[in-house]
Amino acid sequence: SGSIGQEIVRQILEYEPAAIRIFSR
């Protein structure tokens, strides 16, 4: 949920992963 983490999630979604788990405090 941080700056780089959010962008990682956004770009990974373009590759249609089975699941993305976002881990943060």
mmCIF file of all heavy atoms, coordinates in Angstrom:
data_MODEL
# 
_entry.id   MODEL 
# 
loop_
_atom_site.group_PDB 
_atom_site.id 
_atom_site.type_symbol 
_atom_site.label_atom_id 
_atom_site.label_alt_id 
_atom_site.label_comp_id 
_atom_site.label_asym_id 
_atom_site.label_entity_id 
_atom_site.label_seq_id 
_atom_site.pdbx_PDB_ins_code 
_atom_site.Cartn_x 
_atom_site.Cartn_y 
_atom_site.Cartn_z 
_atom_site.occupancy 
_atom_site.B_iso_or_equiv 
_atom_site.pdbx_formal_charge 
_atom_site.auth_seq_id 
_atom_site.auth_comp_id 
_atom_site.auth_asym_id 
_atom_site.auth_atom_id 
_atom_site.pdbx_PDB_model_num 
ATOM 1   N N   . SER A 1 1  ? 0.818  -1.212  0.000   1.00 0.00 ? 1  SER A N   1 
ATOM 2   C CA  . SER A 1 1  ? 0.000  0.000   0.000   1.00 0.00 ? 1  SER A CA  1 
ATOM 3   C C   . SER A 1 1  ? 0.853  1.265   0.000   1.00 0.00 ? 1  SER A C   1 
ATOM 4   O O   . SER A 1 1  ? 0.331  2.375   0.088   1.00 0.00 ? 1  SER A O   1 
ATOM 5   C CB  . SER A 1 1  ? -0.947 0.021   1.205   1.00 0.00 ? 1  SER A CB  1 
ATOM 6   O OG  . SER A 1 1  ? -0.235 0.079   2.433   1.00 0.00 ? 1  SER A OG  1 
ATOM 7   N N   . GLY A 1 2  ? 2.188  1.126   -0.099  1.00 0.00 ? 2  GLY A N   1 
ATOM 8   C CA  . GLY A 1 2  ? 3.074  2.275   -0.216  1.00 0.00 ? 2  GLY A CA  1 
ATOM 9   C C   . GLY A 1 2  ? 3.164  2.741   -1.653  1.00 0.00 ? 2  GLY A C   1 
ATOM 10  O O   . GLY A 1 2  ? 2.519  2.195   -2.558  1.00 0.00 ? 2  GLY A O   1 
ATOM 11  N N   . SER A 1 3  ? 3.969  3.753   -1.895  1.00 0.00 ? 3  SER A N   1 
ATOM 12  C CA  . SER A 1 3  ? 4.057  4.352   -3.233  1.00 0.00 ? 3  SER A CA  1 
ATOM 13  C C   . SER A 1 3  ? 4.524  3.352   -4.279  1.00 0.00 ? 3  SER A C   1 
ATOM 14  O O   . SER A 1 3  ? 3.862  3.143   -5.299  1.00 0.00 ? 3  SER A O   1 
ATOM 15  C CB  . SER A 1 3  ? 5.016  5.549   -3.198  1.00 0.00 ? 3  SER A CB  1 
ATOM 16  O OG  . SER A 1 3  ? 4.609  6.486   -2.236  1.00 0.00 ? 3  SER A OG  1 
ATOM 17  N N   . ILE A 1 4  ? 5.668  2.720   -4.043  1.00 0.00 ? 4  ILE A N   1 
ATOM 18  C CA  . ILE A 1 4  ? 6.178  1.726   -4.987  1.00 0.00 ? 4  ILE A CA  1 
ATOM 19  C C   . ILE A 1 4  ? 5.289  0.490   -4.984  1.00 0.00 ? 4  ILE A C   1 
ATOM 20  O O   . ILE A 1 4  ? 4.998  -0.090  -6.036  1.00 0.00 ? 4  ILE A O   1 
ATOM 21  C CB  . ILE A 1 4  ? 7.630  1.357   -4.639  1.00 0.00 ? 4  ILE A CB  1 
ATOM 22  C CG1 . ILE A 1 4  ? 8.571  2.472   -5.078  1.00 0.00 ? 4  ILE A CG1 1 
ATOM 23  C CG2 . ILE A 1 4  ? 8.042  0.065   -5.318  1.00 0.00 ? 4  ILE A CG2 1 
ATOM 24  C CD1 . ILE A 1 4  ? 8.699  2.629   -6.580  1.00 0.00 ? 4  ILE A CD1 1 
ATOM 25  N N   . GLY A 1 5  ? 4.837  0.076   -3.805  1.00 0.00 ? 5  GLY A N   1 
ATOM 26  C CA  . GLY A 1 5  ? 3.977  -1.103  -3.715  1.00 0.00 ? 5  GLY A CA  1 
ATOM 27  C C   . GLY A 1 5  ? 2.718  -0.961  -4.542  1.00 0.00 ? 5  GLY A C   1 
ATOM 28  O O   . GLY A 1 5  ? 2.304  -1.899  -5.244  1.00 0.00 ? 5  GLY A O   1 
ATOM 29  N N   . GLN A 1 6  ? 2.090  0.198   -4.487  1.00 0.00 ? 6  GLN A N   1 
ATOM 30  C CA  . GLN A 1 6  ? 0.872  0.419   -5.270  1.00 0.00 ? 6  GLN A CA  1 
ATOM 31  C C   . GLN A 1 6  ? 1.142  0.340   -6.763  1.00 0.00 ? 6  GLN A C   1 
ATOM 32  O O   . GLN A 1 6  ? 0.343  -0.225  -7.521  1.00 0.00 ? 6  GLN A O   1 
ATOM 33  C CB  . GLN A 1 6  ? 0.270  1.785   -4.925  1.00 0.00 ? 6  GLN A CB  1 
ATOM 34  C CG  . GLN A 1 6  ? -0.333 1.859   -3.533  1.00 0.00 ? 6  GLN A CG  1 
ATOM 35  C CD  . GLN A 1 6  ? -1.114 3.143   -3.330  1.00 0.00 ? 6  GLN A CD  1 
ATOM 36  O OE1 . GLN A 1 6  ? -1.937 3.523   -4.152  1.00 0.00 ? 6  GLN A OE1 1 
ATOM 37  N NE2 . GLN A 1 6  ? -0.869 3.816   -2.221  1.00 0.00 ? 6  GLN A NE2 1 
ATOM 38  N N   . GLU A 1 7  ? 2.279  0.896   -7.189  1.00 0.00 ? 7  GLU A N   1 
ATOM 39  C CA  . GLU A 1 7  ? 2.602  0.848   -8.613  1.00 0.00 ? 7  GLU A CA  1 
ATOM 40  C C   . GLU A 1 7  ? 2.959  -0.570  -9.042  1.00 0.00 ? 7  GLU A C   1 
ATOM 41  O O   . GLU A 1 7  ? 2.627  -0.992  -10.157 1.00 0.00 ? 7  GLU A O   1 
ATOM 42  C CB  . GLU A 1 7  ? 3.751  1.808   -8.917  1.00 0.00 ? 7  GLU A CB  1 
ATOM 43  C CG  . GLU A 1 7  ? 4.133  1.885   -10.387 1.00 0.00 ? 7  GLU A CG  1 
ATOM 44  C CD  . GLU A 1 7  ? 3.011  2.409   -11.281 1.00 0.00 ? 7  GLU A CD  1 
ATOM 45  O OE1 . GLU A 1 7  ? 2.133  3.150   -10.781 1.00 0.00 ? 7  GLU A OE1 1 
ATOM 46  O OE2 . GLU A 1 7  ? 3.015  2.069   -12.481 1.00 0.00 ? 7  GLU A OE2 1 
ATOM 47  N N   . ILE A 1 8  ? 3.605  -1.335  -8.165  1.00 0.00 ? 8  ILE A N   1 
ATOM 48  C CA  . ILE A 1 8  ? 3.865  -2.749  -8.466  1.00 0.00 ? 8  ILE A CA  1 
ATOM 49  C C   . ILE A 1 8  ? 2.547  -3.479  -8.692  1.00 0.00 ? 8  ILE A C   1 
ATOM 50  O O   . ILE A 1 8  ? 2.384  -4.222  -9.666  1.00 0.00 ? 8  ILE A O   1 
ATOM 51  C CB  . ILE A 1 8  ? 4.664  -3.399  -7.321  1.00 0.00 ? 8  ILE A CB  1 
ATOM 52  C CG1 . ILE A 1 8  ? 6.101  -2.882  -7.313  1.00 0.00 ? 8  ILE A CG1 1 
ATOM 53  C CG2 . ILE A 1 8  ? 4.663  -4.929  -7.468  1.00 0.00 ? 8  ILE A CG2 1 
ATOM 54  C CD1 . ILE A 1 8  ? 6.910  -3.341  -6.106  1.00 0.00 ? 8  ILE A CD1 1 
ATOM 55  N N   . VAL A 1 9  ? 1.601  -3.267  -7.805  1.00 0.00 ? 9  VAL A N   1 
ATOM 56  C CA  . VAL A 1 9  ? 0.294  -3.915  -7.933  1.00 0.00 ? 9  VAL A CA  1 
ATOM 57  C C   . VAL A 1 9  ? -0.376 -3.510  -9.243  1.00 0.00 ? 9  VAL A C   1 
ATOM 58  O O   . VAL A 1 9  ? -0.908 -4.355  -9.982  1.00 0.00 ? 9  VAL A O   1 
ATOM 59  C CB  . VAL A 1 9  ? -0.606 -3.563  -6.734  1.00 0.00 ? 9  VAL A CB  1 
ATOM 60  C CG1 . VAL A 1 9  ? -2.034 -4.040  -6.974  1.00 0.00 ? 9  VAL A CG1 1 
ATOM 61  C CG2 . VAL A 1 9  ? -0.046 -4.171  -5.451  1.00 0.00 ? 9  VAL A CG2 1 
ATOM 62  N N   . ARG A 1 10 ? -0.364 -2.204  -9.549  1.00 0.00 ? 10 ARG A N   1 
ATOM 63  C CA  . ARG A 1 10 ? -1.027 -1.718  -10.758 1.00 0.00 ? 10 ARG A CA  1 
ATOM 64  C C   . ARG A 1 10 ? -0.456 -2.380  -12.003 1.00 0.00 ? 10 ARG A C   1 
ATOM 65  O O   . ARG A 1 10 ? -1.207 -2.822  -12.892 1.00 0.00 ? 10 ARG A O   1 
ATOM 66  C CB  . ARG A 1 10 ? -0.883 -0.196  -10.857 1.00 0.00 ? 10 ARG A CB  1 
ATOM 67  C CG  . ARG A 1 10 ? -1.717 0.427   -11.973 1.00 0.00 ? 10 ARG A CG  1 
ATOM 68  C CD  . ARG A 1 10 ? -1.397 1.889   -12.172 1.00 0.00 ? 10 ARG A CD  1 
ATOM 69  N NE  . ARG A 1 10 ? -0.081 2.073   -12.782 1.00 0.00 ? 10 ARG A NE  1 
ATOM 70  C CZ  . ARG A 1 10 ? 0.176  1.897   -14.082 1.00 0.00 ? 10 ARG A CZ  1 
ATOM 71  N NH1 . ARG A 1 10 ? -0.799 1.512   -14.903 1.00 0.00 ? 10 ARG A NH1 1 
ATOM 72  N NH2 . ARG A 1 10 ? 1.383  2.091   -14.564 1.00 0.00 ? 10 ARG A NH2 1 
ATOM 73  N N   . GLN A 1 11 ? 0.878  -2.463  -12.077 1.00 0.00 ? 11 GLN A N   1 
ATOM 74  C CA  . GLN A 1 11 ? 1.484  -3.037  -13.278 1.00 0.00 ? 11 GLN A CA  1 
ATOM 75  C C   . GLN A 1 11 ? 1.334  -4.548  -13.337 1.00 0.00 ? 11 GLN A C   1 
ATOM 76  O O   . GLN A 1 11 ? 1.142  -5.122  -14.418 1.00 0.00 ? 11 GLN A O   1 
ATOM 77  C CB  . GLN A 1 11 ? 2.957  -2.628  -13.362 1.00 0.00 ? 11 GLN A CB  1 
ATOM 78  C CG  . GLN A 1 11 ? 3.151  -1.134  -13.629 1.00 0.00 ? 11 GLN A CG  1 
ATOM 79  C CD  . GLN A 1 11 ? 4.564  -0.782  -14.050 1.00 0.00 ? 11 GLN A CD  1 
ATOM 80  O OE1 . GLN A 1 11 ? 5.271  -1.599  -14.643 1.00 0.00 ? 11 GLN A OE1 1 
ATOM 81  N NE2 . GLN A 1 11 ? 4.984  0.444   -13.772 1.00 0.00 ? 11 GLN A NE2 1 
ATOM 82  N N   . ILE A 1 12 ? 1.398  -5.209  -12.191 1.00 0.00 ? 12 ILE A N   1 
ATOM 83  C CA  . ILE A 1 12 ? 1.230  -6.660  -12.188 1.00 0.00 ? 12 ILE A CA  1 
ATOM 84  C C   . ILE A 1 12 ? -0.163 -7.051  -12.676 1.00 0.00 ? 12 ILE A C   1 
ATOM 85  O O   . ILE A 1 12 ? -0.331 -8.060  -13.376 1.00 0.00 ? 12 ILE A O   1 
ATOM 86  C CB  . ILE A 1 12 ? 1.494  -7.222  -10.779 1.00 0.00 ? 12 ILE A CB  1 
ATOM 87  C CG1 . ILE A 1 12 ? 2.980  -7.180  -10.461 1.00 0.00 ? 12 ILE A CG1 1 
ATOM 88  C CG2 . ILE A 1 12 ? 0.990  -8.668  -10.657 1.00 0.00 ? 12 ILE A CG2 1 
ATOM 89  C CD1 . ILE A 1 12 ? 3.316  -7.627  -9.050  1.00 0.00 ? 12 ILE A CD1 1 
ATOM 90  N N   . LEU A 1 13 ? -1.171 -6.273  -12.324 1.00 0.00 ? 13 LEU A N   1 
ATOM 91  C CA  . LEU A 1 13 ? -2.539 -6.580  -12.735 1.00 0.00 ? 13 LEU A CA  1 
ATOM 92  C C   . LEU A 1 13 ? -2.681 -6.669  -14.252 1.00 0.00 ? 13 LEU A C   1 
ATOM 93  O O   . LEU A 1 13 ? -3.553 -7.391  -14.755 1.00 0.00 ? 13 LEU A O   1 
ATOM 94  C CB  . LEU A 1 13 ? -3.504 -5.537  -12.180 1.00 0.00 ? 13 LEU A CB  1 
ATOM 95  C CG  . LEU A 1 13 ? -3.881 -5.685  -10.708 1.00 0.00 ? 13 LEU A CG  1 
ATOM 96  C CD1 . LEU A 1 13 ? -4.623 -4.452  -10.213 1.00 0.00 ? 13 LEU A CD1 1 
ATOM 97  C CD2 . LEU A 1 13 ? -4.712 -6.941  -10.484 1.00 0.00 ? 13 LEU A CD2 1 
ATOM 98  N N   . GLU A 1 14 ? -1.830 -5.951  -14.987 1.00 0.00 ? 14 GLU A N   1 
ATOM 99  C CA  . GLU A 1 14 ? -1.890 -5.990  -16.443 1.00 0.00 ? 14 GLU A CA  1 
ATOM 100 C C   . GLU A 1 14 ? -1.530 -7.365  -16.991 1.00 0.00 ? 14 GLU A C   1 
ATOM 101 O O   . GLU A 1 14 ? -1.873 -7.687  -18.131 1.00 0.00 ? 14 GLU A O   1 
ATOM 102 C CB  . GLU A 1 14 ? -0.944 -4.935  -17.030 1.00 0.00 ? 14 GLU A CB  1 
ATOM 103 C CG  . GLU A 1 14 ? -1.311 -3.501  -16.647 1.00 0.00 ? 14 GLU A CG  1 
ATOM 104 C CD  . GLU A 1 14 ? -0.299 -2.491  -17.177 1.00 0.00 ? 14 GLU A CD  1 
ATOM 105 O OE1 . GLU A 1 14 ? 0.624  -2.915  -17.919 1.00 0.00 ? 14 GLU A OE1 1 
ATOM 106 O OE2 . GLU A 1 14 ? -0.426 -1.302  -16.845 1.00 0.00 ? 14 GLU A OE2 1 
ATOM 107 N N   . TYR A 1 15 ? -0.851 -8.189  -16.186 1.00 0.00 ? 15 TYR A N   1 
ATOM 108 C CA  . TYR A 1 15 ? -0.419 -9.512  -16.637 1.00 0.00 ? 15 TYR A CA  1 
ATOM 109 C C   . TYR A 1 15 ? -1.347 -10.631 -16.152 1.00 0.00 ? 15 TYR A C   1 
ATOM 110 O O   . TYR A 1 15 ? -1.019 -11.810 -16.292 1.00 0.00 ? 15 TYR A O   1 
ATOM 111 C CB  . TYR A 1 15 ? 1.020  -9.770  -16.173 1.00 0.00 ? 15 TYR A CB  1 
ATOM 112 C CG  . TYR A 1 15 ? 2.021  -8.886  -16.881 1.00 0.00 ? 15 TYR A CG  1 
ATOM 113 C CD1 . TYR A 1 15 ? 2.382  -7.655  -16.343 1.00 0.00 ? 15 TYR A CD1 1 
ATOM 114 C CD2 . TYR A 1 15 ? 2.584  -9.269  -18.088 1.00 0.00 ? 15 TYR A CD2 1 
ATOM 115 C CE1 . TYR A 1 15 ? 3.299  -6.831  -16.988 1.00 0.00 ? 15 TYR A CE1 1 
ATOM 116 C CE2 . TYR A 1 15 ? 3.501  -8.463  -18.748 1.00 0.00 ? 15 TYR A CE2 1 
ATOM 117 C CZ  . TYR A 1 15 ? 3.851  -7.240  -18.192 1.00 0.00 ? 15 TYR A CZ  1 
ATOM 118 O OH  . TYR A 1 15 ? 4.744  -6.419  -18.840 1.00 0.00 ? 15 TYR A OH  1 
ATOM 119 N N   . GLU A 1 16 ? -2.469 -10.258 -15.590 1.00 0.00 ? 16 GLU A N   1 
ATOM 120 C CA  . GLU A 1 16 ? -3.514 -11.206 -15.179 1.00 0.00 ? 16 GLU A CA  1 
ATOM 121 C C   . GLU A 1 16 ? -2.987 -12.331 -14.291 1.00 0.00 ? 16 GLU A C   1 
ATOM 122 O O   . GLU A 1 16 ? -3.056 -13.513 -14.637 1.00 0.00 ? 16 GLU A O   1 
ATOM 123 C CB  . GLU A 1 16 ? -4.206 -11.789 -16.409 1.00 0.00 ? 16 GLU A CB  1 
ATOM 124 C CG  . GLU A 1 16 ? -4.887 -10.729 -17.264 1.00 0.00 ? 16 GLU A CG  1 
ATOM 125 C CD  . GLU A 1 16 ? -5.598 -11.319 -18.477 1.00 0.00 ? 16 GLU A CD  1 
ATOM 126 O OE1 . GLU A 1 16 ? -5.561 -12.562 -18.647 1.00 0.00 ? 16 GLU A OE1 1 
ATOM 127 O OE2 . GLU A 1 16 ? -6.187 -10.550 -19.243 1.00 0.00 ? 16 GLU A OE2 1 
ATOM 128 N N   . PRO A 1 17 ? -2.457 -11.979 -13.132 1.00 0.00 ? 17 PRO A N   1 
ATOM 129 C CA  . PRO A 1 17 ? -2.030 -13.024 -12.182 1.00 0.00 ? 17 PRO A CA  1 
ATOM 130 C C   . PRO A 1 17 ? -3.244 -13.729 -11.598 1.00 0.00 ? 17 PRO A C   1 
ATOM 131 O O   . PRO A 1 17 ? -4.365 -13.203 -11.623 1.00 0.00 ? 17 PRO A O   1 
ATOM 132 C CB  . PRO A 1 17 ? -1.291 -12.219 -11.113 1.00 0.00 ? 17 PRO A CB  1 
ATOM 133 C CG  . PRO A 1 17 ? -1.958 -10.883 -11.137 1.00 0.00 ? 17 PRO A CG  1 
ATOM 134 C CD  . PRO A 1 17 ? -2.286 -10.623 -12.581 1.00 0.00 ? 17 PRO A CD  1 
ATOM 135 N N   . ALA A 1 18 ? -3.020 -14.912 -11.069 1.00 0.00 ? 18 ALA A N   1 
ATOM 136 C CA  . ALA A 1 18 ? -4.120 -15.635 -10.427 1.00 0.00 ? 18 ALA A CA  1 
ATOM 137 C C   . ALA A 1 18 ? -4.593 -14.889 -9.189  1.00 0.00 ? 18 ALA A C   1 
ATOM 138 O O   . ALA A 1 18 ? -5.805 -14.832 -8.911  1.00 0.00 ? 18 ALA A O   1 
ATOM 139 C CB  . ALA A 1 18 ? -3.672 -17.045 -10.062 1.00 0.00 ? 18 ALA A CB  1 
ATOM 140 N N   . ALA A 1 19 ? -3.661 -14.309 -8.439  1.00 0.00 ? 19 ALA A N   1 
ATOM 141 C CA  . ALA A 1 19 ? -4.017 -13.573 -7.223  1.00 0.00 ? 19 ALA A CA  1 
ATOM 142 C C   . ALA A 1 19 ? -2.885 -12.636 -6.847  1.00 0.00 ? 19 ALA A C   1 
ATOM 143 O O   . ALA A 1 19 ? -1.707 -12.939 -7.087  1.00 0.00 ? 19 ALA A O   1 
ATOM 144 C CB  . ALA A 1 19 ? -4.300 -14.535 -6.075  1.00 0.00 ? 19 ALA A CB  1 
ATOM 145 N N   . ILE A 1 20 ? -3.247 -11.492 -6.285  1.00 0.00 ? 20 ILE A N   1 
ATOM 146 C CA  . ILE A 1 20 ? -2.274 -10.570 -5.690  1.00 0.00 ? 20 ILE A CA  1 
ATOM 147 C C   . ILE A 1 20 ? -2.665 -10.364 -4.236  1.00 0.00 ? 20 ILE A C   1 
ATOM 148 O O   . ILE A 1 20 ? -3.800 -10.003 -3.928  1.00 0.00 ? 20 ILE A O   1 
ATOM 149 C CB  . ILE A 1 20 ? -2.249 -9.206  -6.402  1.00 0.00 ? 20 ILE A CB  1 
ATOM 150 C CG1 . ILE A 1 20 ? -1.848 -9.352  -7.864  1.00 0.00 ? 20 ILE A CG1 1 
ATOM 151 C CG2 . ILE A 1 20 ? -1.274 -8.258  -5.694  1.00 0.00 ? 20 ILE A CG2 1 
ATOM 152 C CD1 . ILE A 1 20 ? -1.802 -8.025  -8.605  1.00 0.00 ? 20 ILE A CD1 1 
ATOM 153 N N   . ARG A 1 21 ? -1.722 -10.615 -3.353  1.00 0.00 ? 21 ARG A N   1 
ATOM 154 C CA  . ARG A 1 21 ? -1.928 -10.357 -1.931  1.00 0.00 ? 21 ARG A CA  1 
ATOM 155 C C   . ARG A 1 21 ? -1.154 -9.095  -1.548  1.00 0.00 ? 21 ARG A C   1 
ATOM 156 O O   . ARG A 1 21 ? 0.054  -9.034  -1.738  1.00 0.00 ? 21 ARG A O   1 
ATOM 157 C CB  . ARG A 1 21 ? -1.457 -11.544 -1.087  1.00 0.00 ? 21 ARG A CB  1 
ATOM 158 C CG  . ARG A 1 21 ? -2.195 -12.832 -1.394  1.00 0.00 ? 21 ARG A CG  1 
ATOM 159 C CD  . ARG A 1 21 ? -1.607 -14.008 -0.635  1.00 0.00 ? 21 ARG A CD  1 
ATOM 160 N NE  . ARG A 1 21 ? -2.202 -15.263 -1.077  1.00 0.00 ? 21 ARG A NE  1 
ATOM 161 C CZ  . ARG A 1 21 ? -1.813 -16.465 -0.656  1.00 0.00 ? 21 ARG A CZ  1 
ATOM 162 N NH1 . ARG A 1 21 ? -0.807 -16.559 0.219   1.00 0.00 ? 21 ARG A NH1 1 
ATOM 163 N NH2 . ARG A 1 21 ? -2.397 -17.560 -1.103  1.00 0.00 ? 21 ARG A NH2 1 
ATOM 164 N N   . ILE A 1 22 ? -1.864 -8.113  -1.032  1.00 0.00 ? 22 ILE A N   1 
ATOM 165 C CA  . ILE A 1 22 ? -1.263 -6.845  -0.629  1.00 0.00 ? 22 ILE A CA  1 
ATOM 166 C C   . ILE A 1 22 ? -1.088 -6.872  0.879   1.00 0.00 ? 22 ILE A C   1 
ATOM 167 O O   . ILE A 1 22 ? -2.067 -6.894  1.629   1.00 0.00 ? 22 ILE A O   1 
ATOM 168 C CB  . ILE A 1 22 ? -2.142 -5.667  -1.069  1.00 0.00 ? 22 ILE A CB  1 
ATOM 169 C CG1 . ILE A 1 22 ? -2.242 -5.651  -2.603  1.00 0.00 ? 22 ILE A CG1 1 
ATOM 170 C CG2 . ILE A 1 22 ? -1.599 -4.338  -0.535  1.00 0.00 ? 22 ILE A CG2 1 
ATOM 171 C CD1 . ILE A 1 22 ? -3.308 -4.723  -3.137  1.00 0.00 ? 22 ILE A CD1 1 
ATOM 172 N N   . PHE A 1 23 ? 0.157  -6.893  1.316   1.00 0.00 ? 23 PHE A N   1 
ATOM 173 C CA  . PHE A 1 23 ? 0.492  -7.040  2.733   1.00 0.00 ? 23 PHE A CA  1 
ATOM 174 C C   . PHE A 1 23 ? 1.088  -5.723  3.221   1.00 0.00 ? 23 PHE A C   1 
ATOM 175 O O   . PHE A 1 23 ? 2.108  -5.260  2.714   1.00 0.00 ? 23 PHE A O   1 
ATOM 176 C CB  . PHE A 1 23 ? 1.507  -8.175  2.907   1.00 0.00 ? 23 PHE A CB  1 
ATOM 177 C CG  . PHE A 1 23 ? 1.909  -8.478  4.322   1.00 0.00 ? 23 PHE A CG  1 
ATOM 178 C CD1 . PHE A 1 23 ? 1.290  -9.489  5.041   1.00 0.00 ? 23 PHE A CD1 1 
ATOM 179 C CD2 . PHE A 1 23 ? 2.928  -7.764  4.944   1.00 0.00 ? 23 PHE A CD2 1 
ATOM 180 C CE1 . PHE A 1 23 ? 1.669  -9.786  6.338   1.00 0.00 ? 23 PHE A CE1 1 
ATOM 181 C CE2 . PHE A 1 23 ? 3.316  -8.046  6.242   1.00 0.00 ? 23 PHE A CE2 1 
ATOM 182 C CZ  . PHE A 1 23 ? 2.677  -9.061  6.940   1.00 0.00 ? 23 PHE A CZ  1 
ATOM 183 N N   . SER A 1 24 ? 0.437  -5.098  4.209   1.00 0.00 ? 24 SER A N   1 
ATOM 184 C CA  . SER A 1 24 ? 0.984  -3.865  4.791   1.00 0.00 ? 24 SER A CA  1 
ATOM 185 C C   . SER A 1 24 ? 0.284  -3.606  6.115   1.00 0.00 ? 24 SER A C   1 
ATOM 186 O O   . SER A 1 24 ? -0.728 -4.219  6.439   1.00 0.00 ? 24 SER A O   1 
ATOM 187 C CB  . SER A 1 24 ? 0.795  -2.672  3.849   1.00 0.00 ? 24 SER A CB  1 
ATOM 188 O OG  . SER A 1 24 ? -0.544 -2.205  3.859   1.00 0.00 ? 24 SER A OG  1 
ATOM 189 N N   . ARG A 1 25 ? 0.840  -2.644  6.866   1.00 0.00 ? 25 ARG A N   1 
ATOM 190 C CA  . ARG A 1 25 ? 0.242  -2.287  8.144   1.00 0.00 ? 25 ARG A CA  1 
ATOM 191 C C   . ARG A 1 25 ? -0.638 -1.049  8.052   1.00 0.00 ? 25 ARG A C   1 
ATOM 192 O O   . ARG A 1 25 ? -1.209 -0.629  9.047   1.00 0.00 ? 25 ARG A O   1 
ATOM 193 C CB  . ARG A 1 25 ? 1.348  -2.049  9.179   1.00 0.00 ? 25 ARG A CB  1 
ATOM 194 C CG  . ARG A 1 25 ? 2.267  -0.884  8.854   1.00 0.00 ? 25 ARG A CG  1 
ATOM 195 C CD  . ARG A 1 25 ? 3.367  -0.749  9.881   1.00 0.00 ? 25 ARG A CD  1 
ATOM 196 N NE  . ARG A 1 25 ? 4.216  0.415   9.611   1.00 0.00 ? 25 ARG A NE  1 
ATOM 197 C CZ  . ARG A 1 25 ? 5.257  0.768   10.351  1.00 0.00 ? 25 ARG A CZ  1 
ATOM 198 N NH1 . ARG A 1 25 ? 5.586  0.032   11.395  1.00 0.00 ? 25 ARG A NH1 1 
ATOM 199 N NH2 . ARG A 1 25 ? 5.967  1.822   10.052  1.00 0.00 ? 25 ARG A NH2 1 
# 
